[in-house]
Amino acid sequence: MRAAALWLVALVIFGVVASGCIGGEEAKTSQAEVQLTGDFTKDVVEIGKVLEQNGVKEVKFSAWGSGDPNSVMRVYGIVEAARRINKIWADNGINVKIVVTETHYVASFQDAYKEYLSKQPLGQAGDFFVNSYAFLPTLADEGYILDITDYAKAYQSVIDDFYPSLIEASKYNGKLYGLPQDTEARPLYIRKDVAQKIGFDLNGLDEKVKNGEFTWSDVYYWAKKAKDEGAAEWGLIHRKGSAHPDLIQFIFAFGGKLYDPNTGKLVVDVPAVYKWLYVEWKFARDGLLPGDIMSWDWAKQIHPTVVEGRTLFDIGGTWYWTEWQTKQYYAKEGTPRGLKPEEVRDWFCYTLFPAGEKGKEPVTLSQPFVWMINSKAGQLNPKYDELKDIYHKLAFLMLIKASDPDINAIHSVISAHLPVRKDAAKLIKDEKWLNGLKALNLDLSDEVKSNIGDIVQATVNPINAQFLADVSYMLEYTHLAPAHPKYPALADIFKEAVDKVLRGEMTPEEAVKYIVQKVQADPELAQNVEIQGEIPKDWKFPQG
């Protein structure tokens, strides 16, 4: 009897006892655990072995993304990551395969966020979600995305290759909830042909903007001259539908702030917000900016107005540069077409977003997009409850692989976004690599090649690569909107106020009071937003 007991103890100690016997649950748990080491191939192989041991032959994931038409690598980067992991498994004799069952891509990042927010609790949202870092705090607060802090510790060498400010934008309360996918700058575009008609000398303008010599009063002066002299239909065009992120730049350009790090609260900087709204109101009242532009159509109104030279100025983004080449916005000659790279170069000048007034500084605003993992990632796969940690670690490794420098560089070149990794920044300056991309002679899946082929043909050009190099300095002037859970709600109120002043339904002063009232009427906003300063007296725009 004593010998039998010792034999049983020995079996337990050496792990021989199977599930269903003493110690079985412990044995099963150990089989489903993989410690990430930072050796990508080793980690992928170990995860593949666990899946295979548990009878899993296929892992299904879905990828949700949004943005301009050329930024489809936001979802196809995930598809390519799956292919590269599948190859590692095949090379190591592991009979498991990742299948990306859905690539859901929409134009509006705000709509994509709202859809994810509504469907995640129902278990119907994508496993991977790429969107603005501004939404990350809310999703983290709600428990809708995965905290990858511990996973990332094993991959510090990869994390260190990202620009530090972008990693910080991927955090909330000190925890890492995603990996940067791209970033950008928001230039002020100026039509060279319209400028020439009115005697507006653009030589050295970028330096004048940098030095704060050329301000929004100067923008107004030339916009009015273009309109008054019939050189353009409008003086200024900007985005529709949202104050975030493009129009928020006005707050920073007038020396204001949106967040107080000492209190952790958002800020309505009354003087800066008033000046912003006054500029919008003045441009609209003088017929230089459409009063209903917040409801304009991107493809039918906003972009055609810019590319056809019906405005002098446009508040845009770096990605416009290639979007204008791939989308058929230009119809001045009859059949709509995209612009040629040479036309974009020859027709447009670009600068930082000018200082609001003398004594202030120029700015730009970056809105990094971040790859996030659904906290329920892999939920439709076999034995999810038992293998949840395995599926989550696999999802994390897919983000690591989707962040490969070449994948990031491809996205940067074809969409005119700025690279988020230093190694990717080196690639876009490599002529040999660019030629390989142009010929699609790169190690990419057929699915990815077929979905980016037309974009590649239209955008991979030395002119476009030079543009990315030329605008990179703008990141030295960049601001980020606050990563605060209540920021999207505040930005929505700003949007309503902008729309009302543009339409002439409110004066700038009334609109500021409207913002304050809306904030104070919402208990959660009232707790999280400080109202600072007063409407400046005797402030005039434009300034002499």
Protein backbone atom coordinates (compact mmCIF):
# COMPACT_ATOMS: atom_id res chain seq x y z
CA MET A 1 0.00 0.00 0.00
CA ARG A 2 2.84 2.35 0.95
CA ALA A 3 4.69 1.43 -2.29
CA ALA A 4 1.59 2.21 -4.36
CA ALA A 5 1.27 5.61 -2.68
CA LEU A 6 4.92 6.40 -3.37
CA TRP A 7 4.45 5.33 -7.00
CA LEU A 8 1.44 7.66 -7.34
CA VAL A 9 3.39 10.56 -5.81
CA ALA A 10 6.21 9.90 -8.26
CA LEU A 11 3.80 9.98 -11.18
CA VAL A 12 2.43 13.35 -10.04
CA ILE A 13 5.91 14.79 -9.51
CA PHE A 14 7.12 13.76 -12.95
CA GLY A 15 3.91 14.88 -14.67
CA VAL A 16 2.76 11.41 -15.79
CA VAL A 17 -0.75 11.67 -14.34
CA ALA A 18 -3.14 12.69 -17.12
CA SER A 19 -6.19 14.93 -16.96
CA GLY A 20 -9.01 13.36 -15.02
CA CYS A 21 -6.56 12.06 -12.39
CA ILE A 22 -4.85 13.83 -9.51
CA GLY A 23 -2.97 16.91 -10.76
CA GLY A 24 -4.62 16.69 -14.19
CA GLU A 25 -5.80 20.32 -14.24
CA GLU A 26 -2.30 21.53 -13.44
CA ALA A 27 -0.88 19.46 -16.27
CA LYS A 28 -3.47 20.79 -18.71
CA THR A 29 -2.76 24.40 -17.67
CA SER A 30 0.98 24.04 -18.13
CA GLN A 31 0.44 22.75 -21.66
CA ALA A 32 -1.53 25.91 -22.51
CA GLU A 33 1.11 28.32 -21.25
CA VAL A 34 3.81 29.91 -23.39
CA GLN A 35 6.19 32.46 -21.98
CA LEU A 36 7.18 35.03 -24.59
CA THR A 37 10.96 35.23 -24.95
CA GLY A 38 11.48 37.95 -27.56
CA ASP A 39 12.70 35.35 -30.06
CA PHE A 40 9.87 35.76 -32.56
CA THR A 41 10.29 32.47 -34.41
CA LYS A 42 10.64 30.49 -31.18
CA ASP A 43 7.56 32.13 -29.65
CA VAL A 44 5.45 31.54 -32.76
CA VAL A 45 6.55 27.90 -32.93
CA GLU A 46 5.75 27.27 -29.26
CA ILE A 47 2.29 28.79 -29.64
CA GLY A 48 1.72 26.71 -32.77
CA LYS A 49 2.65 23.55 -30.90
CA VAL A 50 0.15 24.28 -28.12
CA LEU A 51 -2.60 24.92 -30.66
CA GLU A 52 -1.76 21.73 -32.55
CA GLN A 53 -1.69 19.69 -29.33
CA ASN A 54 -5.18 20.97 -28.59
CA GLY A 55 -6.51 19.96 -31.99
CA VAL A 56 -6.67 23.50 -33.38
CA LYS A 57 -5.81 23.53 -37.09
CA GLU A 58 -7.22 26.93 -38.03
CA VAL A 59 -7.24 30.22 -36.11
CA LYS A 60 -9.69 32.84 -37.33
CA PHE A 61 -9.18 36.57 -36.79
CA SER A 62 -10.79 39.69 -38.24
CA ALA A 63 -9.27 43.14 -38.83
CA TRP A 64 -11.15 46.44 -38.67
CA GLY A 65 -9.71 49.69 -39.95
CA SER A 66 -10.66 53.06 -41.39
CA GLY A 67 -9.31 56.12 -43.13
CA ASP A 68 -8.42 57.52 -46.51
CA PRO A 69 -8.58 55.24 -49.57
CA ASN A 70 -4.81 54.67 -49.71
CA SER A 71 -4.41 53.54 -46.08
CA VAL A 72 -5.67 49.99 -46.60
CA MET A 73 -2.47 48.51 -45.15
CA ARG A 74 -4.15 49.30 -41.83
CA VAL A 75 -6.02 46.04 -42.39
CA TYR A 76 -3.82 44.28 -44.97
CA GLY A 77 -0.84 44.63 -42.65
CA ILE A 78 -2.67 42.13 -40.44
CA VAL A 79 -3.29 39.87 -43.44
CA GLU A 80 0.42 39.97 -44.29
CA ALA A 81 1.39 39.29 -40.67
CA ALA A 82 -0.81 36.17 -40.74
CA ARG A 83 0.93 34.94 -43.90
CA ARG A 84 4.38 35.42 -42.39
CA ILE A 85 3.43 33.53 -39.22
CA ASN A 86 1.82 30.76 -41.29
CA LYS A 87 5.11 30.37 -43.17
CA ILE A 88 7.03 29.97 -39.90
CA TRP A 89 4.60 27.24 -38.84
CA ALA A 90 4.84 25.48 -42.21
CA ASP A 91 8.64 25.64 -42.16
CA ASN A 92 8.61 24.02 -38.72
CA GLY A 93 6.13 21.27 -39.58
CA ILE A 94 3.26 22.74 -37.56
CA ASN A 95 -0.14 22.05 -39.08
CA VAL A 96 -1.90 25.25 -37.97
CA LYS A 97 -2.97 28.21 -40.09
CA ILE A 98 -4.23 31.73 -39.37
CA VAL A 99 -7.09 32.89 -41.57
CA VAL A 100 -8.13 36.55 -41.61
CA THR A 101 -11.83 36.08 -42.25
CA GLU A 102 -12.76 39.76 -42.50
CA THR A 103 -11.03 42.99 -43.49
CA HIS A 104 -13.55 45.67 -42.59
CA TYR A 105 -12.45 49.10 -43.83
CA VAL A 106 -14.55 52.29 -43.80
CA ALA A 107 -13.82 55.93 -44.59
CA SER A 108 -14.78 57.59 -41.29
CA PHE A 109 -12.59 56.77 -38.31
CA GLN A 110 -15.25 58.30 -36.04
CA ASP A 111 -17.92 55.98 -37.45
CA ALA A 112 -15.56 53.02 -37.12
CA TYR A 113 -15.00 53.86 -33.46
CA LYS A 114 -18.73 54.13 -32.78
CA GLU A 115 -19.34 50.79 -34.47
CA TYR A 116 -16.61 49.09 -32.43
CA LEU A 117 -17.93 50.70 -29.25
CA SER A 118 -21.43 49.35 -29.87
CA LYS A 119 -20.48 45.87 -31.11
CA GLN A 120 -17.62 44.92 -28.78
CA PRO A 121 -19.88 44.19 -25.78
CA LEU A 122 -21.98 41.95 -28.06
CA GLY A 123 -18.92 39.99 -29.19
CA GLN A 124 -19.33 41.26 -32.76
CA ALA A 125 -16.33 43.60 -33.12
CA GLY A 126 -13.09 42.89 -34.98
CA ASP A 127 -10.23 41.09 -33.28
CA PHE A 128 -7.85 43.83 -34.43
CA PHE A 129 -8.92 47.45 -34.42
CA VAL A 130 -6.80 50.29 -35.78
CA ASN A 131 -7.93 53.80 -35.02
CA SER A 132 -6.94 57.11 -33.48
CA TYR A 133 -5.00 57.04 -30.23
CA ALA A 134 -7.57 59.58 -28.97
CA PHE A 135 -10.11 56.77 -28.57
CA LEU A 136 -7.71 54.41 -26.79
CA PRO A 137 -8.36 55.70 -23.23
CA THR A 138 -12.11 55.14 -23.51
CA LEU A 139 -11.67 51.65 -24.95
CA ALA A 140 -9.14 50.81 -22.24
CA ASP A 141 -11.41 52.20 -19.52
CA GLU A 142 -14.29 50.06 -20.76
CA GLY A 143 -12.11 46.95 -20.89
CA TYR A 144 -12.67 46.62 -24.63
CA ILE A 145 -9.00 46.34 -25.62
CA LEU A 146 -6.13 44.23 -24.38
CA ASP A 147 -3.42 45.49 -22.04
CA ILE A 148 -0.24 44.31 -23.79
CA THR A 149 2.25 45.79 -21.31
CA ASP A 150 3.57 42.45 -20.07
CA TYR A 151 3.72 40.91 -23.55
CA ALA A 152 5.71 43.87 -24.84
CA LYS A 153 8.43 43.50 -22.21
CA ALA A 154 9.86 40.54 -24.12
CA TYR A 155 9.98 42.63 -27.31
CA GLN A 156 11.65 45.76 -25.96
CA SER A 157 14.06 45.89 -28.90
CA VAL A 158 11.10 46.26 -31.27
CA ILE A 159 9.38 48.79 -29.00
CA ASP A 160 12.58 50.85 -28.89
CA ASP A 161 12.57 51.23 -32.69
CA PHE A 162 9.28 53.15 -32.55
CA TYR A 163 9.50 56.89 -32.00
CA PRO A 164 9.08 57.37 -28.20
CA SER A 165 6.28 59.95 -28.43
CA LEU A 166 4.21 57.47 -30.44
CA ILE A 167 4.67 54.72 -27.88
CA GLU A 168 3.53 57.18 -25.21
CA ALA A 169 0.44 57.92 -27.33
CA SER A 170 -0.32 54.18 -27.24
CA LYS A 171 -0.46 54.13 -23.44
CA TYR A 172 -3.13 54.90 -20.89
CA ASN A 173 -2.43 55.23 -17.17
CA GLY A 174 1.08 53.94 -17.79
CA LYS A 175 -0.10 50.75 -19.50
CA LEU A 176 0.53 49.88 -23.15
CA TYR A 177 -2.67 49.12 -25.07
CA GLY A 178 -1.46 49.04 -28.65
CA LEU A 179 1.36 49.62 -31.12
CA PRO A 180 1.66 52.70 -33.36
CA GLN A 181 0.52 52.10 -36.94
CA ASP A 182 1.14 55.50 -38.50
CA THR A 183 1.33 59.21 -37.87
CA GLU A 184 1.13 62.33 -39.99
CA ALA A 185 1.39 66.09 -40.14
CA ARG A 186 -1.30 68.56 -41.19
CA PRO A 187 0.12 71.12 -43.61
CA LEU A 188 -1.52 74.25 -44.91
CA TYR A 189 -1.66 73.73 -48.67
CA ILE A 190 -1.48 76.74 -51.01
CA ARG A 191 -2.36 76.65 -54.71
CA LYS A 192 0.61 78.05 -56.62
CA ASP A 193 -1.46 79.04 -59.67
CA VAL A 194 -3.99 81.02 -57.63
CA ALA A 195 -1.17 82.68 -55.67
CA GLN A 196 0.52 83.76 -58.88
CA LYS A 197 -2.69 85.41 -60.15
CA ILE A 198 -2.81 87.71 -57.11
CA GLY A 199 0.91 88.45 -56.76
CA PHE A 200 1.38 86.25 -53.70
CA ASP A 201 5.11 85.37 -53.64
CA LEU A 202 5.51 81.88 -52.17
CA ASN A 203 9.31 81.87 -52.20
CA GLY A 204 10.54 81.34 -48.65
CA LEU A 205 6.98 81.16 -47.29
CA ASP A 206 7.70 77.99 -45.32
CA GLU A 207 10.48 79.83 -43.44
CA LYS A 208 8.24 82.85 -42.77
CA VAL A 209 5.65 80.49 -41.30
CA LYS A 210 8.30 78.74 -39.20
CA ASN A 211 9.47 82.10 -37.82
CA GLY A 212 5.94 83.24 -36.96
CA GLU A 213 6.12 86.11 -39.48
CA PHE A 214 3.21 84.77 -41.55
CA THR A 215 0.11 84.37 -39.36
CA TRP A 216 -3.59 83.71 -39.82
CA SER A 217 -4.14 87.41 -40.44
CA ASP A 218 -1.92 87.00 -43.51
CA VAL A 219 -3.90 83.93 -44.55
CA TYR A 220 -7.06 86.04 -44.34
CA TYR A 221 -5.51 88.91 -46.34
CA TRP A 222 -4.49 86.69 -49.26
CA ALA A 223 -7.67 84.61 -49.12
CA LYS A 224 -9.75 87.79 -49.41
CA LYS A 225 -7.59 89.06 -52.26
CA ALA A 226 -8.04 85.79 -54.15
CA LYS A 227 -11.81 85.97 -53.73
CA ASP A 228 -12.13 89.72 -54.46
CA GLU A 229 -10.01 89.51 -57.61
CA GLY A 230 -11.84 86.47 -58.94
CA ALA A 231 -8.77 84.24 -58.79
CA ALA A 232 -10.65 81.59 -56.82
CA GLU A 233 -14.16 80.80 -55.69
CA TRP A 234 -13.04 80.41 -52.08
CA GLY A 235 -10.17 81.66 -49.98
CA LEU A 236 -10.03 78.67 -47.62
CA ILE A 237 -11.33 75.10 -47.48
CA HIS A 238 -11.08 72.72 -44.52
CA ARG A 239 -12.46 69.44 -43.27
CA LYS A 240 -16.09 68.58 -42.66
CA GLY A 241 -17.94 66.87 -39.85
CA SER A 242 -15.51 67.17 -36.96
CA ALA A 243 -13.37 69.71 -35.14
CA HIS A 244 -10.89 66.95 -34.26
CA PRO A 245 -8.20 66.84 -35.29
CA ASP A 246 -7.58 69.44 -38.03
CA LEU A 247 -9.38 72.44 -36.56
CA ILE A 248 -8.12 71.82 -33.03
CA GLN A 249 -4.81 73.20 -34.34
CA PHE A 250 -6.24 76.71 -33.98
CA ILE A 251 -6.25 76.33 -30.18
CA PHE A 252 -2.51 75.58 -30.15
CA ALA A 253 -1.78 78.23 -32.82
CA PHE A 254 -3.28 80.86 -30.50
CA GLY A 255 -1.14 79.63 -27.60
CA GLY A 256 -3.93 77.71 -25.89
CA LYS A 257 -4.09 74.28 -24.34
CA LEU A 258 -6.54 71.39 -24.12
CA TYR A 259 -5.23 69.62 -21.04
CA ASP A 260 -3.81 70.49 -17.63
CA PRO A 261 -1.27 67.86 -16.55
CA ASN A 262 -1.35 69.15 -12.98
CA THR A 263 -5.02 68.33 -12.52
CA GLY A 264 -5.41 65.60 -15.15
CA LYS A 265 -8.39 67.50 -16.54
CA LEU A 266 -9.31 68.70 -20.00
CA VAL A 267 -9.33 72.45 -20.57
CA VAL A 268 -11.60 74.84 -22.43
CA ASP A 269 -9.08 77.63 -22.99
CA VAL A 270 -11.59 80.43 -23.49
CA PRO A 271 -9.30 83.05 -25.10
CA ALA A 272 -7.85 80.57 -27.60
CA VAL A 273 -11.22 78.96 -28.40
CA TYR A 274 -12.80 82.39 -28.89
CA LYS A 275 -10.06 83.46 -31.32
CA TRP A 276 -10.41 80.17 -33.23
CA LEU A 277 -14.17 80.59 -33.57
CA TYR A 278 -13.77 84.25 -34.52
CA VAL A 279 -11.43 83.30 -37.39
CA GLU A 280 -13.93 80.70 -38.67
CA TRP A 281 -16.80 83.20 -38.30
CA LYS A 282 -14.91 86.00 -40.07
CA PHE A 283 -13.87 83.81 -43.01
CA ALA A 284 -17.44 82.56 -43.45
CA ARG A 285 -19.10 85.97 -43.04
CA ASP A 286 -16.81 87.43 -45.71
CA GLY A 287 -17.60 84.59 -48.12
CA LEU A 288 -14.10 83.14 -48.02
CA LEU A 289 -15.06 79.80 -46.44
CA PRO A 290 -18.34 77.94 -47.14
CA GLY A 291 -20.78 78.39 -44.26
CA ASP A 292 -22.07 74.85 -44.68
CA ILE A 293 -18.70 73.14 -45.13
CA MET A 294 -19.16 70.96 -42.06
CA SER A 295 -21.77 69.05 -44.10
CA TRP A 296 -19.90 69.02 -47.42
CA ASP A 297 -19.06 65.73 -49.13
CA TRP A 298 -15.38 64.78 -49.14
CA ALA A 299 -15.29 63.21 -52.60
CA LYS A 300 -17.85 65.40 -54.37
CA GLN A 301 -17.08 68.81 -52.90
CA ILE A 302 -14.05 69.23 -50.63
CA HIS A 303 -11.30 67.49 -52.60
CA PRO A 304 -12.53 68.55 -56.08
CA THR A 305 -12.61 72.19 -54.92
CA VAL A 306 -8.97 71.92 -53.84
CA VAL A 307 -7.50 69.94 -56.74
CA GLU A 308 -9.32 72.04 -59.34
CA GLY A 309 -7.88 75.27 -57.95
CA ARG A 310 -11.14 76.75 -56.71
CA THR A 311 -9.52 77.78 -53.43
CA LEU A 312 -6.23 79.41 -52.46
CA PHE A 313 -5.71 77.67 -49.10
CA ASP A 314 -6.62 74.24 -47.75
CA ILE A 315 -6.12 72.89 -44.23
CA GLY A 316 -5.23 69.30 -45.02
CA GLY A 317 -3.05 66.35 -44.16
CA THR A 318 0.06 64.76 -45.59
CA TRP A 319 -2.02 61.83 -46.89
CA TYR A 320 -3.86 64.19 -49.27
CA TRP A 321 -0.68 64.20 -51.37
CA THR A 322 -1.20 60.64 -52.62
CA GLU A 323 -5.00 60.56 -52.23
CA TRP A 324 -5.22 63.30 -54.87
CA GLN A 325 -3.26 60.99 -57.19
CA THR A 326 -5.32 57.84 -56.70
CA LYS A 327 -8.86 59.20 -56.47
CA GLN A 328 -10.67 60.74 -59.42
CA TYR A 329 -11.33 64.14 -57.88
CA TYR A 330 -10.08 66.27 -60.81
CA ALA A 331 -12.76 66.79 -63.47
CA LYS A 332 -11.80 70.19 -64.86
CA GLU A 333 -10.99 68.70 -68.26
CA GLY A 334 -14.10 66.49 -68.47
CA THR A 335 -13.60 62.88 -67.38
CA PRO A 336 -12.65 62.75 -63.69
CA ARG A 337 -9.09 61.57 -63.01
CA GLY A 338 -6.42 61.55 -60.36
CA LEU A 339 -3.58 64.04 -60.46
CA LYS A 340 -0.13 63.08 -61.67
CA PRO A 341 2.71 63.29 -59.12
CA GLU A 342 4.22 66.12 -61.20
CA GLU A 343 0.93 68.05 -61.02
CA VAL A 344 0.68 67.79 -57.25
CA ARG A 345 4.27 68.98 -56.95
CA ASP A 346 3.81 71.84 -59.40
CA TRP A 347 0.41 73.02 -58.17
CA PHE A 348 0.83 72.95 -54.39
CA CYS A 349 3.04 74.69 -51.86
CA TYR A 350 2.84 73.48 -48.25
CA THR A 351 3.78 74.92 -44.87
CA LEU A 352 3.16 74.38 -41.19
CA PHE A 353 -0.17 75.55 -39.78
CA PRO A 354 0.63 79.25 -39.21
CA ALA A 355 0.69 80.98 -35.84
CA GLY A 356 -2.66 82.47 -34.90
CA GLU A 357 -1.18 85.91 -34.32
CA LYS A 358 2.14 87.68 -33.89
CA GLY A 359 4.11 86.39 -30.93
CA LYS A 360 2.69 82.86 -31.21
CA GLU A 361 4.22 79.85 -32.93
CA PRO A 362 3.29 77.69 -35.92
CA VAL A 363 2.04 74.19 -35.19
CA THR A 364 0.93 70.95 -36.68
CA LEU A 365 -1.13 68.23 -35.10
CA SER A 366 -0.48 64.53 -35.35
CA GLN A 367 -3.06 61.88 -34.76
CA PRO A 368 -1.19 58.59 -34.48
CA PHE A 369 -3.25 55.58 -35.43
CA VAL A 370 -2.73 52.63 -33.13
CA TRP A 371 -3.22 48.91 -33.68
CA MET A 372 -5.27 47.59 -30.76
CA ILE A 373 -6.35 44.07 -29.85
CA ASN A 374 -9.92 43.27 -28.85
CA SER A 375 -10.01 42.00 -25.27
CA LYS A 376 -12.10 39.13 -26.69
CA ALA A 377 -9.66 38.44 -29.53
CA GLY A 378 -9.94 34.88 -30.84
CA GLN A 379 -13.27 34.26 -29.13
CA LEU A 380 -14.74 32.37 -32.11
CA ASN A 381 -11.92 29.82 -32.12
CA PRO A 382 -11.91 26.33 -30.54
CA LYS A 383 -11.38 25.94 -26.78
CA TYR A 384 -11.32 29.73 -26.35
CA ASP A 385 -11.82 29.74 -22.57
CA GLU A 386 -9.03 27.22 -22.10
CA LEU A 387 -6.65 28.77 -24.66
CA LYS A 388 -7.50 32.45 -24.24
CA ASP A 389 -3.97 33.40 -23.19
CA ILE A 390 -2.54 31.58 -26.21
CA TYR A 391 -4.88 33.37 -28.62
CA HIS A 392 -4.11 36.72 -27.03
CA LYS A 393 -0.36 36.19 -27.22
CA LEU A 394 -0.72 35.10 -30.84
CA ALA A 395 -2.68 38.30 -31.56
CA PHE A 396 0.11 40.31 -29.95
CA LEU A 397 2.73 38.56 -32.10
CA MET A 398 0.62 39.40 -35.15
CA LEU A 399 0.92 43.09 -34.20
CA ILE A 400 4.67 42.70 -33.83
CA LYS A 401 4.85 41.14 -37.29
CA ALA A 402 2.43 43.68 -38.82
CA SER A 403 4.85 46.32 -37.54
CA ASP A 404 7.74 44.93 -39.60
CA PRO A 405 9.67 47.87 -41.08
CA ASP A 406 8.83 46.95 -44.68
CA ILE A 407 5.09 46.76 -43.95
CA ASN A 408 5.20 50.14 -42.23
CA ALA A 409 7.28 51.64 -45.04
CA ILE A 410 4.86 50.38 -47.71
CA HIS A 411 2.00 52.04 -45.87
CA SER A 412 3.94 55.28 -45.51
CA VAL A 413 4.85 55.53 -49.19
CA ILE A 414 1.44 54.67 -50.67
CA SER A 415 -0.60 56.74 -48.21
CA ALA A 416 1.79 59.66 -47.50
CA HIS A 417 1.74 59.01 -43.78
CA LEU A 418 4.95 59.32 -41.81
CA PRO A 419 6.71 56.13 -40.67
CA VAL A 420 6.45 55.18 -37.01
CA ARG A 421 9.66 53.12 -36.88
CA LYS A 422 13.21 54.31 -37.46
CA ASP A 423 14.00 51.28 -39.63
CA ALA A 424 10.96 52.06 -41.80
CA ALA A 425 12.14 55.64 -42.23
CA LYS A 426 15.43 54.28 -43.62
CA LEU A 427 13.62 52.09 -46.15
CA ILE A 428 11.61 54.91 -47.74
CA LYS A 429 14.91 56.60 -48.61
CA ASP A 430 16.26 53.41 -50.24
CA GLU A 431 15.92 53.74 -54.03
CA LYS A 432 16.43 50.00 -54.60
CA TRP A 433 13.68 49.14 -52.14
CA LEU A 434 11.35 51.74 -53.69
CA ASN A 435 11.94 50.23 -57.13
CA GLY A 436 11.10 46.80 -55.72
CA LEU A 437 7.87 48.19 -54.30
CA LYS A 438 7.02 49.86 -57.60
CA ALA A 439 7.37 46.49 -59.34
CA LEU A 440 5.64 44.71 -56.43
CA ASN A 441 8.77 42.59 -56.32
CA LEU A 442 8.58 42.22 -52.55
CA ASP A 443 7.80 39.32 -50.24
CA LEU A 444 4.06 39.93 -49.92
CA SER A 445 0.97 37.75 -50.18
CA ASP A 446 -0.99 37.72 -53.43
CA GLU A 447 -4.00 39.09 -51.53
CA VAL A 448 -2.04 42.11 -50.34
CA LYS A 449 -0.49 42.70 -53.76
CA SER A 450 -3.88 42.61 -55.46
CA ASN A 451 -5.36 45.09 -53.00
CA ILE A 452 -2.53 47.63 -53.14
CA GLY A 453 -1.40 47.14 -56.75
CA ASP A 454 -3.30 50.08 -58.26
CA ILE A 455 -2.34 52.35 -55.36
CA VAL A 456 1.32 51.37 -55.71
CA GLN A 457 1.34 52.16 -59.43
CA ALA A 458 -0.13 55.59 -58.80
CA THR A 459 1.92 56.59 -55.78
CA VAL A 460 5.37 55.01 -55.71
CA ASN A 461 7.36 57.81 -57.26
CA PRO A 462 10.51 59.77 -56.29
CA ILE A 463 8.37 62.94 -56.08
CA ASN A 464 6.22 61.37 -53.38
CA ALA A 465 9.19 59.98 -51.48
CA GLN A 466 10.74 63.46 -51.54
CA PHE A 467 7.50 64.94 -50.19
CA LEU A 468 7.63 62.61 -47.18
CA ALA A 469 11.23 63.65 -46.56
CA ASP A 470 10.32 67.34 -46.91
CA VAL A 471 7.46 67.28 -44.39
CA SER A 472 9.19 65.17 -41.75
CA TYR A 473 10.49 68.32 -40.02
CA MET A 474 6.89 69.21 -39.16
CA LEU A 475 6.88 66.56 -36.43
CA GLU A 476 9.23 68.86 -34.49
CA TYR A 477 6.29 71.27 -34.18
CA THR A 478 3.59 68.70 -33.57
CA HIS A 479 0.98 68.60 -30.86
CA LEU A 480 -1.22 65.72 -29.79
CA ALA A 481 -4.78 66.08 -28.64
CA PRO A 482 -5.12 64.80 -25.06
CA ALA A 483 -5.50 61.07 -24.50
CA HIS A 484 -8.40 61.49 -22.09
CA PRO A 485 -11.59 59.39 -22.05
CA LYS A 486 -13.78 62.52 -22.22
CA TYR A 487 -11.88 64.25 -25.01
CA PRO A 488 -14.06 62.84 -27.85
CA ALA A 489 -17.16 64.24 -26.13
CA LEU A 490 -15.55 67.67 -25.76
CA ALA A 491 -14.41 67.60 -29.40
CA ASP A 492 -18.02 66.92 -30.44
CA ILE A 493 -19.13 70.08 -28.64
CA PHE A 494 -16.39 72.07 -30.39
CA LYS A 495 -17.69 70.70 -33.70
CA GLU A 496 -21.22 71.88 -32.96
CA ALA A 497 -19.93 75.35 -32.07
CA VAL A 498 -17.84 75.60 -35.25
CA ASP A 499 -20.82 74.63 -37.38
CA LYS A 500 -23.02 77.24 -35.71
CA VAL A 501 -20.56 80.12 -36.20
CA LEU A 502 -19.88 79.10 -39.80
CA ARG A 503 -23.59 79.13 -40.58
CA GLY A 504 -24.04 82.46 -38.82
CA GLU A 505 -26.38 80.97 -36.21
CA MET A 506 -24.13 82.19 -33.38
CA THR A 507 -21.51 84.87 -32.89
CA PRO A 508 -18.11 83.69 -31.63
CA GLU A 509 -18.98 84.97 -28.15
CA GLU A 510 -22.30 83.12 -28.13
CA ALA A 511 -20.55 79.97 -29.33
CA VAL A 512 -18.05 80.08 -26.47
CA LYS A 513 -20.91 80.44 -23.99
CA TYR A 514 -22.64 77.51 -25.73
CA ILE A 515 -19.53 75.34 -25.24
CA VAL A 516 -19.29 76.25 -21.56
CA GLN A 517 -23.01 75.55 -21.00
CA LYS A 518 -22.83 72.17 -22.73
CA VAL A 519 -19.83 71.16 -20.64
CA GLN A 520 -21.41 72.26 -17.39
CA ALA A 521 -24.71 70.54 -18.22
CA ASP A 522 -23.00 67.15 -18.55
CA PRO A 523 -22.08 65.83 -15.07
CA GLU A 524 -19.15 63.75 -16.34
CA LEU A 525 -17.75 66.54 -18.48
CA ALA A 526 -18.25 69.05 -15.68
CA GLN A 527 -16.07 66.87 -13.45
CA ASN A 528 -13.38 66.39 -16.10
CA VAL A 529 -13.14 69.78 -17.82
CA GLU A 530 -11.80 73.08 -16.50
CA ILE A 531 -12.96 76.38 -17.96
CA GLN A 532 -9.97 78.72 -18.03
CA GLY A 533 -9.72 82.40 -18.92
CA GLU A 534 -12.15 84.91 -20.35
CA ILE A 535 -13.16 86.20 -23.75
CA PRO A 536 -10.52 88.82 -24.66
CA LYS A 537 -11.79 92.37 -24.94
CA ASP A 538 -10.92 94.58 -27.90
CA TRP A 539 -9.27 91.67 -29.75
CA LYS A 540 -9.45 92.18 -33.50
CA PHE A 541 -9.04 89.94 -36.51
CA PRO A 542 -7.47 90.36 -38.96
CA GLN A 543 -4.68 92.20 -37.26
CA GLY A 544 -2.79 94.96 -39.05
